[in-house]
């Protein structure tokens, strides 16, 4: 598994459905990049000026929205993940 450093998080990208409610399949070329993911690992947090770790706003298992062009895509054991800074996480989906 991937262990992120500092204030970075690892997410598993949640793909939107490939079929509309009317039954039409959407080709890959017409899809927007997904912006939802599930947090699978978090770093220890950023060090502040006092040398203390600042806690992250997300936890493992949270579903989040993230900035459209953020992060780095990686593939581990055939599964697509994205590593991004916690500042690129825009909101937690409840």
PDB file of N, CA and C in Angstrom:
ATOM      1  N   UNK A   1       0.840  -1.193   0.000  1.00  0.00           N
ATOM      2  CA  UNK A   1       0.000   0.000   0.000  1.00  0.00           C
ATOM      3  C   UNK A   1       0.872   1.238   0.000  1.00  0.00           C
ATOM      4  N   UNK A   2       0.305   2.338  -0.402  1.00  0.00           N
ATOM      5  CA  UNK A   2       1.018   3.604  -0.484  1.00  0.00           C
ATOM      6  C   UNK A   2       0.858   4.350   0.836  1.00  0.00           C
ATOM      7  N   UNK A   3       1.959   4.861   1.394  1.00  0.00           N
ATOM      8  CA  UNK A   3       1.918   5.664   2.612  1.00  0.00           C
ATOM      9  C   UNK A   3       2.331   7.083   2.250  1.00  0.00           C
ATOM     10  N   UNK A   4       1.371   8.031   2.248  1.00  0.00           N
ATOM     11  CA  UNK A   4       1.699   9.407   1.874  1.00  0.00           C
ATOM     12  C   UNK A   4       2.511  10.118   2.952  1.00  0.00           C
ATOM     13  N   UNK A   5       3.277  11.107   2.531  1.00  0.00           N
ATOM     14  CA  UNK A   5       4.119  11.873   3.441  1.00  0.00           C
ATOM     15  C   UNK A   5       3.496  13.236   3.726  1.00  0.00           C
ATOM     16  N   UNK A   6       3.786  13.789   4.896  1.00  0.00           N
ATOM     17  CA  UNK A   6       3.362  15.148   5.238  1.00  0.00           C
ATOM     18  C   UNK A   6       1.863  15.335   5.186  1.00  0.00           C
ATOM     19  N   UNK A   7       1.449  16.356   4.426  1.00  0.00           N
ATOM     20  CA  UNK A   7       0.022  16.694   4.356  1.00  0.00           C
ATOM     21  C   UNK A   7      -0.636  16.130   3.098  1.00  0.00           C
ATOM     22  N   UNK A   8      -0.116  15.033   2.592  1.00  0.00           N
ATOM     23  CA  UNK A   8      -0.685  14.418   1.395  1.00  0.00           C
ATOM     24  C   UNK A   8      -1.652  13.299   1.769  1.00  0.00           C
ATOM     25  N   UNK A   9      -2.578  13.029   0.836  1.00  0.00           N
ATOM     26  CA  UNK A   9      -3.542  11.949   1.022  1.00  0.00           C
ATOM     27  C   UNK A   9      -3.575  11.098  -0.244  1.00  0.00           C
ATOM     28  N   UNK A  10      -3.961   9.836  -0.093  1.00  0.00           N
ATOM     29  CA  UNK A  10      -4.139   8.931  -1.231  1.00  0.00           C
ATOM     30  C   UNK A  10      -5.628   8.648  -1.335  1.00  0.00           C
ATOM     31  N   UNK A  11      -6.171   8.826  -2.545  1.00  0.00           N
ATOM     32  CA  UNK A  11      -7.582   8.548  -2.750  1.00  0.00           C
ATOM     33  C   UNK A  11      -7.762   7.542  -3.879  1.00  0.00           C
ATOM     34  N   UNK A  12      -8.835   6.797  -3.774  1.00  0.00           N
ATOM     35  CA  UNK A  12      -9.258   5.908  -4.856  1.00  0.00           C
ATOM     36  C   UNK A  12     -10.350   6.665  -5.594  1.00  0.00           C
ATOM     37  N   UNK A  13     -10.125   6.928  -6.863  1.00  0.00           N
ATOM     38  CA  UNK A  13     -11.046   7.732  -7.651  1.00  0.00           C
ATOM     39  C   UNK A  13     -12.361   6.992  -7.834  1.00  0.00           C
ATOM     40  N   UNK A  14     -13.472   7.704  -7.631  1.00  0.00           N
ATOM     41  CA  UNK A  14     -14.811   7.153  -7.837  1.00  0.00           C
ATOM     42  C   UNK A  14     -15.274   7.601  -9.213  1.00  0.00           C
ATOM     43  N   UNK A  15     -15.415   6.648 -10.114  1.00  0.00           N
ATOM     44  CA  UNK A  15     -15.859   6.945 -11.478  1.00  0.00           C
ATOM     45  C   UNK A  15     -17.367   7.140 -11.494  1.00  0.00           C
ATOM     46  N   UNK A  16     -17.823   8.125 -12.271  1.00  0.00           N
ATOM     47  CA  UNK A  16     -19.253   8.312 -12.460  1.00  0.00           C
ATOM     48  C   UNK A  16     -19.780   7.214 -13.371  1.00  0.00           C
ATOM     49  N   UNK A  17     -21.067   7.013 -13.346  1.00  0.00           N
ATOM     50  CA  UNK A  17     -21.698   5.973 -14.144  1.00  0.00           C
ATOM     51  C   UNK A  17     -21.462   6.205 -15.632  1.00  0.00           C
ATOM     52  N   UNK A  18     -21.308   5.148 -16.382  1.00  0.00           N
ATOM     53  CA  UNK A  18     -21.039   5.232 -17.811  1.00  0.00           C
ATOM     54  C   UNK A  18     -22.316   5.192 -18.634  1.00  0.00           C
ATOM     55  N   UNK A  19     -23.467   5.160 -17.962  1.00  0.00           N
ATOM     56  CA  UNK A  19     -24.736   5.046 -18.657  1.00  0.00           C
ATOM     57  C   UNK A  19     -25.705   6.081 -18.084  1.00  0.00           C
ATOM     58  N   UNK A  20     -26.432   6.764 -18.954  1.00  0.00           N
ATOM     59  CA  UNK A  20     -27.419   7.738 -18.490  1.00  0.00           C
ATOM     60  C   UNK A  20     -28.658   7.015 -17.995  1.00  0.00           C
ATOM     61  N   UNK A  21     -29.544   7.763 -17.355  1.00  0.00           N
ATOM     62  CA  UNK A  21     -30.782   7.150 -16.855  1.00  0.00           C
ATOM     63  C   UNK A  21     -31.657   6.643 -18.000  1.00  0.00           C
ATOM     64  N   UNK A  22     -31.459   7.199 -19.206  1.00  0.00           N
ATOM     65  CA  UNK A  22     -32.216   6.748 -20.373  1.00  0.00           C
ATOM     66  C   UNK A  22     -31.601   5.540 -21.052  1.00  0.00           C
ATOM     67  N   UNK A  23     -30.464   5.057 -20.571  1.00  0.00           N
ATOM     68  CA  UNK A  23     -29.839   3.860 -21.116  1.00  0.00           C
ATOM     69  C   UNK A  23     -28.753   4.125 -22.141  1.00  0.00           C
ATOM     70  N   UNK A  24     -28.393   5.391 -22.362  1.00  0.00           N
ATOM     71  CA  UNK A  24     -27.356   5.720 -23.342  1.00  0.00           C
ATOM     72  C   UNK A  24     -25.991   5.610 -22.677  1.00  0.00           C
ATOM     73  N   UNK A  25     -25.051   4.903 -23.317  1.00  0.00           N
ATOM     74  CA  UNK A  25     -23.699   4.770 -22.805  1.00  0.00           C
ATOM     75  C   UNK A  25     -22.870   5.975 -23.219  1.00  0.00           C
ATOM     76  N   UNK A  26     -22.082   6.501 -22.269  1.00  0.00           N
ATOM     77  CA  UNK A  26     -21.251   7.676 -22.518  1.00  0.00           C
ATOM     78  C   UNK A  26     -19.841   7.198 -22.850  1.00  0.00           C
ATOM     79  N   UNK A  27     -19.289   7.571 -24.022  1.00  0.00           N
ATOM     80  CA  UNK A  27     -17.930   7.157 -24.363  1.00  0.00           C
ATOM     81  C   UNK A  27     -16.900   7.895 -23.504  1.00  0.00           C
ATOM     82  N   UNK A  28     -15.709   7.285 -23.352  1.00  0.00           N
ATOM     83  CA  UNK A  28     -14.653   7.885 -22.542  1.00  0.00           C
ATOM     84  C   UNK A  28     -14.286   9.288 -23.020  1.00  0.00           C
ATOM     85  N   UNK A  29     -14.325   9.505 -24.327  1.00  0.00           N
ATOM     86  CA  UNK A  29     -13.932  10.808 -24.872  1.00  0.00           C
ATOM     87  C   UNK A  29     -14.899  11.922 -24.482  1.00  0.00           C
ATOM     88  N   UNK A  30     -16.123  11.575 -24.105  1.00  0.00           N
ATOM     89  CA  UNK A  30     -17.132  12.582 -23.747  1.00  0.00           C
ATOM     90  C   UNK A  30     -17.241  12.783 -22.240  1.00  0.00           C
ATOM     91  N   UNK A  31     -16.530  12.000 -21.448  1.00  0.00           N
ATOM     92  CA  UNK A  31     -16.624  12.107 -19.993  1.00  0.00           C
ATOM     93  C   UNK A  31     -15.714  13.205 -19.476  1.00  0.00           C
ATOM     94  N   UNK A  32     -16.158  13.844 -18.400  1.00  0.00           N
ATOM     95  CA  UNK A  32     -15.294  14.776 -17.688  1.00  0.00           C
ATOM     96  C   UNK A  32     -14.432  13.978 -16.722  1.00  0.00           C
ATOM     97  N   UNK A  33     -13.290  14.571 -16.345  1.00  0.00           N
ATOM     98  CA  UNK A  33     -12.447  13.917 -15.357  1.00  0.00           C
ATOM     99  C   UNK A  33     -13.215  13.816 -14.044  1.00  0.00           C
ATOM    100  N   UNK A  34     -13.158  12.671 -13.375  1.00  0.00           N
ATOM    101  CA  UNK A  34     -13.862  12.555 -12.096  1.00  0.00           C
ATOM    102  C   UNK A  34     -13.243  13.471 -11.055  1.00  0.00           C
ATOM    103  N   UNK A  35     -14.058  13.938 -10.127  1.00  0.00           N
ATOM    104  CA  UNK A  35     -13.583  14.807  -9.060  1.00  0.00           C
ATOM    105  C   UNK A  35     -14.005  14.290  -7.691  1.00  0.00           C
ATOM    106  N   UNK A  36     -14.384  13.012  -7.631  1.00  0.00           N
ATOM    107  CA  UNK A  36     -14.781  12.395  -6.367  1.00  0.00           C
ATOM    108  C   UNK A  36     -13.836  11.238  -6.075  1.00  0.00           C
ATOM    109  N   UNK A  37     -13.572  11.020  -4.805  1.00  0.00           N
ATOM    110  CA  UNK A  37     -12.735   9.900  -4.423  1.00  0.00           C
ATOM    111  C   UNK A  37     -12.921   9.530  -2.975  1.00  0.00           C
ATOM    112  N   UNK A  38     -12.456   8.329  -2.636  1.00  0.00           N
ATOM    113  CA  UNK A  38     -12.499   7.856  -1.253  1.00  0.00           C
ATOM    114  C   UNK A  38     -11.082   7.844  -0.705  1.00  0.00           C
ATOM    115  N   UNK A  39     -10.893   8.454   0.457  1.00  0.00           N
ATOM    116  CA  UNK A  39      -9.579   8.533   1.090  1.00  0.00           C
ATOM    117  C   UNK A  39      -9.188   7.145   1.588  1.00  0.00           C
ATOM    118  N   UNK A  40      -8.037   6.642   1.121  1.00  0.00           N
ATOM    119  CA  UNK A  40      -7.581   5.320   1.547  1.00  0.00           C
ATOM    120  C   UNK A  40      -6.346   5.387   2.441  1.00  0.00           C
ATOM    121  N   UNK A  41      -5.648   6.539   2.446  1.00  0.00           N
ATOM    122  CA  UNK A  41      -4.485   6.709   3.321  1.00  0.00           C
ATOM    123  C   UNK A  41      -4.219   8.195   3.505  1.00  0.00           C
ATOM    124  N   UNK A  42      -3.737   8.568   4.688  1.00  0.00           N
ATOM    125  CA  UNK A  42      -3.402   9.962   4.962  1.00  0.00           C
ATOM    126  C   UNK A  42      -2.000  10.038   5.553  1.00  0.00           C
ATOM    127  N   UNK A  43      -1.344  11.173   5.318  1.00  0.00           N
ATOM    128  CA  UNK A  43      -0.027  11.409   5.903  1.00  0.00           C
ATOM    129  C   UNK A  43      -0.166  11.818   7.367  1.00  0.00           C
ATOM    130  N   UNK A  44       0.961  12.097   7.993  1.00  0.00           N
ATOM    131  CA  UNK A  44       0.958  12.470   9.411  1.00  0.00           C
ATOM    132  C   UNK A  44       0.569  13.922   9.630  1.00  0.00           C
ATOM    133  N   UNK A  45       0.589  14.735   8.587  1.00  0.00           N
ATOM    134  CA  UNK A  45       0.266  16.148   8.705  1.00  0.00           C
ATOM    135  C   UNK A  45       1.497  17.003   8.504  1.00  0.00           C
ATOM    136  N   UNK A  46       1.258  18.266   8.216  1.00  0.00           N
ATOM    137  CA  UNK A  46       2.332  19.224   7.957  1.00  0.00           C
ATOM    138  C   UNK A  46       2.943  19.686   9.276  1.00  0.00           C
ATOM    139  N   UNK A  47       4.264  19.897   9.271  1.00  0.00           N
ATOM    140  CA  UNK A  47       4.932  20.430  10.456  1.00  0.00           C
ATOM    141  C   UNK A  47       4.740  21.940  10.500  1.00  0.00           C
ATOM    142  N   UNK A  48       4.324  22.478  11.658  1.00  0.00           N
ATOM    143  CA  UNK A  48       4.209  23.929  11.791  1.00  0.00           C
ATOM    144  C   UNK A  48       5.531  24.510  12.278  1.00  0.00           C
ATOM    145  N   UNK A  49       5.547  25.816  12.565  1.00  0.00           N
ATOM    146  CA  UNK A  49       6.783  26.492  12.971  1.00  0.00           C
ATOM    147  C   UNK A  49       7.325  25.996  14.307  1.00  0.00           C
ATOM    148  N   UNK A  50       6.478  25.419  15.129  1.00  0.00           N
ATOM    149  CA  UNK A  50       6.896  24.895  16.437  1.00  0.00           C
ATOM    150  C   UNK A  50       7.389  23.460  16.345  1.00  0.00           C
ATOM    151  N   UNK A  51       7.332  22.863  15.148  1.00  0.00           N
ATOM    152  CA  UNK A  51       7.759  21.484  14.969  1.00  0.00           C
ATOM    153  C   UNK A  51       6.684  20.478  15.315  1.00  0.00           C
ATOM    154  N   UNK A  52       5.432  20.936  15.475  1.00  0.00           N
ATOM    155  CA  UNK A  52       4.316  20.051  15.795  1.00  0.00           C
ATOM    156  C   UNK A  52       3.542  19.722  14.527  1.00  0.00           C
ATOM    157  N   UNK A  53       2.929  18.552  14.501  1.00  0.00           N
ATOM    158  CA  UNK A  53       2.118  18.126  13.355  1.00  0.00           C
ATOM    159  C   UNK A  53       0.729  18.756  13.427  1.00  0.00           C
ATOM    160  N   UNK A  54       0.289  19.326  12.304  1.00  0.00           N
ATOM    161  CA  UNK A  54      -1.068  19.867  12.217  1.00  0.00           C
ATOM    162  C   UNK A  54      -1.983  18.748  11.735  1.00  0.00           C
ATOM    163  N   UNK A  55      -3.095  18.506  12.420  1.00  0.00           N
ATOM    164  CA  UNK A  55      -3.997  17.415  12.015  1.00  0.00           C
ATOM    165  C   UNK A  55      -4.646  17.711  10.664  1.00  0.00           C
ATOM    166  N   UNK A  56      -4.960  16.656   9.929  1.00  0.00           N
ATOM    167  CA  UNK A  56      -5.606  16.806   8.627  1.00  0.00           C
ATOM    168  C   UNK A  56      -7.118  16.882   8.806  1.00  0.00           C
ATOM    169  N   UNK A  57      -7.794  17.523   7.834  1.00  0.00           N
ATOM    170  CA  UNK A  57      -9.246  17.698   7.899  1.00  0.00           C
ATOM    171  C   UNK A  57     -10.011  16.477   7.399  1.00  0.00           C
ATOM    172  N   UNK A  58      -9.312  15.488   6.856  1.00  0.00           N
ATOM    173  CA  UNK A  58      -9.979  14.301   6.322  1.00  0.00           C
ATOM    174  C   UNK A  58      -9.473  13.060   7.044  1.00  0.00           C
ATOM    175  N   UNK A  59     -10.264  12.005   6.992  1.00  0.00           N
ATOM    176  CA  UNK A  59      -9.904  10.726   7.602  1.00  0.00           C
ATOM    177  C   UNK A  59     -10.035   9.623   6.567  1.00  0.00           C
ATOM    178  N   UNK A  60      -9.382   8.502   6.819  1.00  0.00           N
ATOM    179  CA  UNK A  60      -9.514   7.340   5.944  1.00  0.00           C
ATOM    180  C   UNK A  60     -10.978   6.926   5.911  1.00  0.00           C
ATOM    181  N   UNK A  61     -11.488   6.686   4.713  1.00  0.00           N
ATOM    182  CA  UNK A  61     -12.881   6.301   4.543  1.00  0.00           C
ATOM    183  C   UNK A  61     -13.784   7.443   4.110  1.00  0.00           C
ATOM    184  N   UNK A  62     -13.327   8.696   4.272  1.00  0.00           N
ATOM    185  CA  UNK A  62     -14.118   9.845   3.833  1.00  0.00           C
ATOM    186  C   UNK A  62     -14.219   9.859   2.314  1.00  0.00           C
ATOM    187  N   UNK A  63     -15.370  10.274   1.816  1.00  0.00           N
ATOM    188  CA  UNK A  63     -15.542  10.510   0.381  1.00  0.00           C
ATOM    189  C   UNK A  63     -15.418  12.011   0.186  1.00  0.00           C
ATOM    190  N   UNK A  64     -14.565  12.431  -0.755  1.00  0.00           N
ATOM    191  CA  UNK A  64     -14.274  13.849  -0.920  1.00  0.00           C
ATOM    192  C   UNK A  64     -14.464  14.307  -2.365  1.00  0.00           C
ATOM    193  N   UNK A  65     -14.609  15.610  -2.522  1.00  0.00           N
ATOM    194  CA  UNK A  65     -14.506  16.268  -3.816  1.00  0.00           C
ATOM    195  C   UNK A  65     -13.144  16.930  -3.840  1.00  0.00           C
ATOM    196  N   UNK A  66     -12.451  16.870  -4.973  1.00  0.00           N
ATOM    197  CA  UNK A  66     -11.125  17.470  -5.059  1.00  0.00           C
ATOM    198  C   UNK A  66     -11.021  18.316  -6.316  1.00  0.00           C
ATOM    199  N   UNK A  67     -10.024  19.197  -6.344  1.00  0.00           N
ATOM    200  CA  UNK A  67      -9.815  20.106  -7.464  1.00  0.00           C
ATOM    201  C   UNK A  67      -9.577  19.317  -8.751  1.00  0.00           C
ATOM    202  N   UNK A  68     -10.097  19.820  -9.850  1.00  0.00           N
ATOM    203  CA  UNK A  68     -10.158  19.088 -11.113  1.00  0.00           C
ATOM    204  C   UNK A  68      -8.803  18.593 -11.634  1.00  0.00           C
ATOM    205  N   UNK A  69      -7.786  19.411 -11.626  1.00  0.00           N
ATOM    206  CA  UNK A  69      -6.507  19.024 -12.221  1.00  0.00           C
ATOM    207  C   UNK A  69      -5.416  18.808 -11.164  1.00  0.00           C
ATOM    208  N   UNK A  70      -5.805  18.422  -9.979  1.00  0.00           N
ATOM    209  CA  UNK A  70      -4.838  18.267  -8.892  1.00  0.00           C
ATOM    210  C   UNK A  70      -4.320  16.839  -8.795  1.00  0.00           C
ATOM    211  N   UNK A  71      -3.215  16.703  -8.097  1.00  0.00           N
ATOM    212  CA  UNK A  71      -2.696  15.391  -7.749  1.00  0.00           C
ATOM    213  C   UNK A  71      -1.908  14.686  -8.832  1.00  0.00           C
ATOM    214  N   UNK A  72      -1.400  13.538  -8.452  1.00  0.00           N
ATOM    215  CA  UNK A  72      -0.611  12.678  -9.320  1.00  0.00           C
ATOM    216  C   UNK A  72      -1.280  11.313  -9.388  1.00  0.00           C
ATOM    217  N   UNK A  73      -1.512  10.835 -10.598  1.00  0.00           N
ATOM    218  CA  UNK A  73      -2.138   9.530 -10.792  1.00  0.00           C
ATOM    219  C   UNK A  73      -1.096   8.431 -10.660  1.00  0.00           C
ATOM    220  N   UNK A  74      -1.431   7.385  -9.912  1.00  0.00           N
ATOM    221  CA  UNK A  74      -0.558   6.218  -9.777  1.00  0.00           C
ATOM    222  C   UNK A  74      -1.415   4.965  -9.892  1.00  0.00           C
ATOM    223  N   UNK A  75      -0.790   3.874 -10.319  1.00  0.00           N
ATOM    224  CA  UNK A  75      -1.485   2.598 -10.441  1.00  0.00           C
ATOM    225  C   UNK A  75      -0.708   1.565  -9.634  1.00  0.00           C
ATOM    226  N   UNK A  76      -1.390   0.923  -8.679  1.00  0.00           N
ATOM    227  CA  UNK A  76      -0.768  -0.079  -7.824  1.00  0.00           C
ATOM    228  C   UNK A  76      -1.623  -1.338  -7.894  1.00  0.00           C
ATOM    229  N   UNK A  77      -1.010  -2.435  -8.298  1.00  0.00           N
ATOM    230  CA  UNK A  77      -1.711  -3.721  -8.419  1.00  0.00           C
ATOM    231  C   UNK A  77      -2.986  -3.605  -9.262  1.00  0.00           C
ATOM    232  N   UNK A  78      -2.913  -2.805 -10.319  1.00  0.00           N
ATOM    233  CA  UNK A  78      -4.032  -2.660 -11.238  1.00  0.00           C
ATOM    234  C   UNK A  78      -5.129  -1.716 -10.783  1.00  0.00           C
ATOM    235  N   UNK A  79      -4.953  -1.068  -9.632  1.00  0.00           N
ATOM    236  CA  UNK A  79      -5.959  -0.142  -9.113  1.00  0.00           C
ATOM    237  C   UNK A  79      -5.439   1.292  -9.261  1.00  0.00           C
ATOM    238  N   UNK A  80      -6.300   2.191  -9.762  1.00  0.00           N
ATOM    239  CA  UNK A  80      -5.936   3.586  -9.960  1.00  0.00           C
ATOM    240  C   UNK A  80      -6.109   4.378  -8.663  1.00  0.00           C
ATOM    241  N   UNK A  81      -5.062   5.096  -8.273  1.00  0.00           N
ATOM    242  CA  UNK A  81      -5.106   5.975  -7.109  1.00  0.00           C
ATOM    243  C   UNK A  81      -4.632   7.357  -7.530  1.00  0.00           C
ATOM    244  N   UNK A  82      -4.905   8.329  -6.681  1.00  0.00           N
ATOM    245  CA  UNK A  82      -4.425   9.687  -6.894  1.00  0.00           C
ATOM    246  C   UNK A  82      -3.825  10.155  -5.577  1.00  0.00           C
ATOM    247  N   UNK A  83      -2.626  10.739  -5.655  1.00  0.00           N
ATOM    248  CA  UNK A  83      -1.980  11.313  -4.478  1.00  0.00           C
ATOM    249  C   UNK A  83      -2.088  12.824  -4.608  1.00  0.00           C
ATOM    250  N   UNK A  84      -2.655  13.458  -3.588  1.00  0.00           N
ATOM    251  CA  UNK A  84      -2.786  14.906  -3.648  1.00  0.00           C
ATOM    252  C   UNK A  84      -2.586  15.532  -2.284  1.00  0.00           C
ATOM    253  N   UNK A  85      -2.316  16.817  -2.287  1.00  0.00           N
ATOM    254  CA  UNK A  85      -2.169  17.567  -1.048  1.00  0.00           C
ATOM    255  C   UNK A  85      -3.552  17.747  -0.438  1.00  0.00           C
ATOM    256  N   UNK A  86      -3.629  17.755   0.877  1.00  0.00           N
ATOM    257  CA  UNK A  86      -4.923  17.912   1.544  1.00  0.00           C
ATOM    258  C   UNK A  86      -5.566  19.252   1.184  1.00  0.00           C
ATOM    259  N   UNK A  87      -4.771  20.248   0.799  1.00  0.00           N
ATOM    260  CA  UNK A  87      -5.348  21.551   0.418  1.00  0.00           C
ATOM    261  C   UNK A  87      -6.141  21.466  -0.882  1.00  0.00           C
ATOM    262  N   UNK A  88      -5.921  20.399  -1.679  1.00  0.00           N
ATOM    263  CA  UNK A  88      -6.689  20.194  -2.921  1.00  0.00           C
ATOM    264  C   UNK A  88      -8.025  19.479  -2.666  1.00  0.00           C
ATOM    265  N   UNK A  89      -8.240  19.011  -1.440  1.00  0.00           N
ATOM    266  CA  UNK A  89      -9.533  18.426  -1.078  1.00  0.00           C
ATOM    267  C   UNK A  89     -10.472  19.588  -0.790  1.00  0.00           C
ATOM    268  N   UNK A  90     -11.567  19.660  -1.551  1.00  0.00           N
ATOM    269  CA  UNK A  90     -12.462  20.805  -1.456  1.00  0.00           C
ATOM    270  C   UNK A  90     -13.577  20.608  -0.443  1.00  0.00           C
ATOM    271  N   UNK A  91     -14.077  19.376  -0.317  1.00  0.00           N
ATOM    272  CA  UNK A  91     -15.198  19.120   0.590  1.00  0.00           C
ATOM    273  C   UNK A  91     -15.310  17.637   0.883  1.00  0.00           C
ATOM    274  N   UNK A  92     -15.899  17.313   2.027  1.00  0.00           N
ATOM    275  CA  UNK A  92     -16.208  15.938   2.394  1.00  0.00           C
ATOM    276  C   UNK A  92     -17.687  15.706   2.051  1.00  0.00           C
ATOM    277  N   UNK A  93     -17.972  14.613   1.361  1.00  0.00           N
ATOM    278  CA  UNK A  93     -19.344  14.270   0.987  1.00  0.00           C
ATOM    279  C   UNK A  93     -19.949  13.435   2.108  1.00  0.00           C
ATOM    280  N   UNK A  94     -21.061  13.898   2.652  1.00  0.00           N
ATOM    281  CA  UNK A  94     -21.720  13.153   3.747  1.00  0.00           C
ATOM    282  C   UNK A  94     -22.975  12.500   3.274  1.00  0.00           C
TER     283      UNK A  94
END
